[in-house]
Protein backbone atom coordinates (compact mmCIF):
# COMPACT_ATOMS: atom_id res chain seq x y z
CA MET A 1 137.75 -143.71 -16.15
CA GLY A 2 139.50 -142.13 -13.17
CA LEU A 3 142.01 -144.10 -11.13
CA LEU A 4 140.77 -145.57 -7.88
CA HIS A 5 142.04 -143.51 -4.95
CA LYS A 6 141.30 -142.90 -1.26
CA ALA A 7 139.27 -140.06 0.22
CA VAL A 8 137.92 -139.20 3.64
CA TYR A 9 134.85 -137.27 4.75
CA CYS A 10 134.44 -135.54 8.11
CA PHE A 11 131.17 -134.29 9.61
CA VAL A 12 131.53 -131.56 12.24
CA PHE A 13 128.71 -131.05 14.75
CA ASP A 14 128.45 -128.32 17.37
CA THR A 15 127.16 -128.73 20.93
CA ARG A 16 123.58 -128.23 19.70
CA GLY A 17 123.87 -131.08 17.23
CA ARG A 18 123.94 -128.81 14.20
CA LEU A 19 126.06 -129.88 11.23
CA LEU A 20 128.73 -127.55 9.86
CA ILE A 21 128.47 -127.36 6.07
CA GLN A 22 130.57 -125.45 3.58
CA ARG A 23 129.85 -123.86 0.23
CA ARG A 24 132.48 -124.86 -2.28
CA SER A 25 134.47 -122.15 -4.01
CA SER A 26 133.27 -120.99 -7.43
CA LYS A 27 136.72 -121.97 -8.74
CA LYS A 28 136.22 -125.66 -7.96
CA SER A 29 136.20 -127.89 -11.06
CA ILE A 30 133.63 -130.22 -9.45
CA GLY A 31 130.57 -128.88 -7.65
CA PRO A 32 131.41 -125.15 -7.73
CA ASN A 33 129.15 -123.07 -5.44
CA GLN A 34 127.41 -126.16 -4.10
CA TRP A 35 126.94 -126.85 -0.41
CA ASP A 36 129.09 -129.71 0.82
CA LEU A 37 129.79 -131.65 4.00
CA SER A 38 132.19 -130.21 6.55
CA VAL A 39 135.40 -131.57 5.03
CA ALA A 40 136.31 -133.90 2.17
CA GLU A 41 139.97 -134.69 1.57
CA HIS A 42 142.07 -136.95 -0.65
CA LEU A 43 144.69 -138.99 1.13
CA SER A 44 148.39 -138.32 0.63
CA PRO A 45 150.77 -141.29 0.14
CA GLY A 46 151.26 -143.17 3.41
CA GLU A 47 148.53 -141.19 5.19
CA SER A 48 145.70 -142.88 7.07
CA PHE A 49 142.07 -141.87 6.60
CA ARG A 50 141.96 -140.42 10.11
CA GLU A 51 145.17 -138.43 9.55
CA ALA A 52 143.81 -137.03 6.30
CA ALA A 53 140.59 -136.00 8.05
CA ALA A 54 142.57 -134.08 10.68
CA ARG A 55 144.66 -132.42 7.97
CA GLY A 56 141.53 -131.46 6.02
CA LEU A 57 139.98 -129.89 9.11
CA GLN A 58 143.07 -127.72 9.51
CA GLU A 59 143.61 -126.81 5.86
CA GLU A 60 139.99 -126.09 4.93
CA LEU A 61 138.45 -124.84 8.19
CA GLY A 62 141.37 -123.90 10.43
CA ILE A 63 140.28 -126.45 13.03
CA THR A 64 143.20 -127.80 15.06
CA GLY A 65 143.81 -129.59 18.34
CA VAL A 66 140.76 -131.85 18.11
CA LEU A 67 140.66 -135.59 18.66
CA LEU A 68 138.78 -137.62 16.07
CA PRO A 69 137.31 -141.03 16.98
CA GLN A 70 139.55 -144.02 16.35
CA GLN A 71 136.84 -145.74 14.32
CA PRO A 72 135.04 -144.39 11.24
CA LEU A 73 131.27 -144.07 11.05
CA GLY A 74 131.06 -147.13 8.80
CA PRO A 75 133.18 -149.48 6.75
CA MET A 76 135.27 -148.21 3.89
CA HIS A 77 133.12 -148.09 0.76
CA ARG A 78 133.43 -147.23 -2.88
CA ARG A 79 131.99 -144.10 -4.44
CA SER A 80 131.94 -143.22 -8.13
CA LEU A 81 130.98 -139.84 -9.55
CA LEU A 82 130.49 -139.18 -13.25
CA VAL A 83 131.73 -135.74 -14.22
CA PRO A 84 130.08 -135.15 -17.62
CA GLY A 85 132.57 -134.63 -20.43
CA LYS A 86 135.53 -135.16 -18.10
CA TYR A 87 135.97 -138.43 -16.20
CA VAL A 88 134.63 -140.79 -13.59
CA ASP A 89 135.91 -140.01 -10.10
CA ASN A 90 136.49 -143.34 -8.31
CA GLU A 91 137.13 -143.26 -4.57
CA LEU A 92 137.38 -145.58 -1.60
CA VAL A 93 135.91 -143.56 1.27
CA GLU A 94 135.80 -143.58 5.06
CA SER A 95 133.76 -141.06 7.06
CA TYR A 96 134.45 -139.62 10.51
CA GLU A 97 132.54 -137.25 12.76
CA LEU A 98 133.63 -134.56 15.20
CA ARG A 99 131.03 -134.00 17.90
CA ASP A 100 130.46 -131.09 20.30
CA PHE A 101 132.82 -128.72 18.51
CA GLN A 102 132.92 -125.27 20.14
CA GLY A 103 135.91 -123.63 18.48
CA GLU A 104 136.29 -120.99 15.82
CA VAL A 105 136.20 -121.74 12.10
CA SER A 106 138.54 -119.93 9.72
CA PHE A 107 137.98 -121.28 6.24
CA ASN A 108 140.38 -121.22 3.31
CA PRO A 109 138.82 -118.94 0.63
CA ALA A 110 140.62 -120.87 -2.11
CA GLU A 111 138.56 -123.91 -1.12
CA VAL A 112 135.47 -122.52 0.60
CA SER A 113 133.28 -119.46 -0.01
CA GLU A 114 131.20 -119.65 3.19
CA VAL A 115 130.25 -121.95 6.08
CA LYS A 116 127.22 -122.31 8.32
CA TYR A 117 125.68 -124.60 10.91
CA ILE A 118 122.36 -126.22 10.08
CA GLU A 119 119.85 -128.41 11.89
CA LEU A 120 119.50 -131.83 10.26
CA PRO A 121 115.70 -131.51 9.75
CA ASP A 122 116.27 -128.21 7.94
CA LEU A 123 118.96 -129.82 5.83
CA VAL A 124 116.56 -132.61 4.86
CA THR A 125 113.98 -130.06 3.75
CA GLN A 126 116.45 -128.01 1.74
CA MET A 127 118.00 -131.04 0.06
CA ALA A 128 114.57 -132.31 -0.96
CA ALA A 129 113.50 -128.93 -2.32
CA GLU A 130 116.73 -127.97 -4.09
CA PRO A 131 119.03 -130.99 -4.46
CA GLN A 132 121.05 -129.22 -7.13
CA ASN A 133 122.41 -126.89 -4.44
CA PHE A 134 124.20 -129.77 -2.70
CA THR A 135 126.99 -132.03 -3.91
CA GLU A 136 125.97 -135.49 -5.00
CA TRP A 137 128.38 -137.19 -2.62
CA PHE A 138 127.10 -135.13 0.31
CA ARG A 139 123.51 -136.20 -0.34
CA ASP A 140 124.47 -139.83 -0.83
CA GLU A 141 126.76 -140.10 2.18
CA LEU A 142 124.18 -138.68 4.59
CA ALA A 143 121.69 -141.30 3.45
CA LEU A 144 124.29 -144.05 3.47
CA LEU A 145 125.27 -143.33 7.07
CA CYS A 146 121.63 -143.11 8.22
CA PHE A 147 121.94 -139.56 9.54
CA PHE A 148 118.29 -139.11 8.61
CA GLY A 149 117.12 -142.38 10.12
CA CYS A 150 116.76 -145.88 8.75
CA GLU A 151 113.43 -145.92 7.00
CA PRO A 152 113.31 -147.29 3.44
CA VAL A 153 113.49 -144.55 0.86
CA ASP A 154 110.64 -145.98 -1.21
CA GLY A 155 108.06 -148.73 -1.21
CA SER A 156 110.12 -151.10 -3.33
CA CYS A 157 112.66 -151.28 -0.56
CA SER A 158 110.28 -152.23 2.22
CA SER A 159 109.60 -155.71 0.85
CA GLN A 160 113.31 -156.52 1.18
CA GLN A 161 113.96 -154.78 4.48
CA GLN A 162 113.77 -157.90 6.65
CA GLN A 163 116.06 -159.82 4.33
CA CYS A 164 118.53 -156.92 4.16
CA ALA A 165 118.60 -156.47 7.91
CA GLY A 166 119.09 -160.16 8.53
CA ASP A 167 121.79 -160.82 5.96
CA PRO A 168 124.98 -158.76 6.39
CA ASN A 169 126.17 -159.90 2.96
CA LEU A 170 123.40 -157.92 1.27
CA ASN A 171 124.65 -154.38 1.60
CA ARG A 172 125.73 -151.52 -0.57
CA LEU A 173 129.39 -151.88 0.30
CA GLU A 174 129.71 -155.43 -1.02
CA TRP A 175 127.75 -154.70 -4.17
CA GLN A 176 129.82 -151.64 -4.99
CA LEU A 177 133.15 -153.39 -4.48
CA ALA A 178 131.92 -156.22 -6.68
CA GLY A 179 131.08 -153.71 -9.40
CA ARG A 180 127.36 -154.43 -9.30
CA GLY A 181 125.98 -150.96 -8.73
CA THR A 182 124.37 -149.71 -5.55
CA GLY A 183 123.18 -152.96 -4.03
CA CYS A 184 119.80 -154.43 -3.21
CA CYS A 185 118.19 -151.34 -1.68
CA ALA A 186 118.85 -148.34 0.51
CA CYS A 187 117.56 -150.04 3.66
CA CYS A 188 120.55 -152.40 3.57
CA VAL A 189 122.80 -149.65 4.84
CA CYS A 190 120.97 -149.73 8.16
CA THR A 191 123.18 -152.68 9.05
CA TRP A 192 126.03 -150.14 9.25
CA ARG A 193 124.86 -147.81 11.94
CA CYS A 194 121.46 -148.75 13.25
CA MET A 195 122.06 -152.42 13.95
CA ALA A 196 124.72 -153.74 16.31
CA ALA A 197 128.39 -153.73 15.36
CA HIS A 198 130.12 -154.07 12.03
CA ASN A 199 130.10 -157.72 11.10
CA ALA A 200 132.88 -159.98 9.94
CA ALA A 201 131.69 -159.91 6.35
CA LEU A 202 132.02 -156.13 6.11
CA SER A 203 135.42 -156.18 7.79
CA SER A 204 136.64 -158.80 5.36
CA ILE A 205 135.45 -156.81 2.34
CA SER A 206 137.07 -153.62 3.64
CA GLU A 207 140.33 -155.43 4.32
CA GLN A 208 140.38 -156.87 0.80
CA ALA A 209 139.95 -153.35 -0.60
CA ARG A 210 142.76 -152.04 1.61
CA VAL A 211 145.13 -154.79 0.53
CA SER A 212 144.37 -154.15 -3.13
CA LEU A 213 145.52 -150.54 -2.76
CA GLN A 214 148.76 -151.27 -0.93
């Protein structure tokens, strides 16, 4: 079991709304040669999520002088990844986005083998056809943040959609932090981005997680 640690994701979009994705280096121990989100970075001691995102943009993609939003895309949440025969990677994650980027990208070949911009509908199609070409956390985080919309992912979810949308305590964040798996259903995450603001329950859960790591 890996130690619980902090990580940050950053999604970079150009002025046409295309997402910048990177192919991980073949030398990576996790997800070699897979397509990944724009930047994923572990936090250094004393570093904030937002500071780590800015550092990751510079170190991995050579992007500097940009201003990230003050607020993340959603509450801090827990993500666990089983690496067969090795360990379980346990992270507390926040995600940020950089919109309307027009600068040059100069990636670090030790981390990244190539980069490209892609339209979200094309990304959906490719992920559905060849999910093995994309990192697990990339696929999950896009769905979690409702980048592809807020429709239930399957019929079993639709029967609970009204309950999920009306009860902010029924969401993936709370269930994960309580160690109960992924929560009631995927439609619950629509309370994050597609409903109004983050509610007091989510803020309280995130704050408890922050305190536990201090």
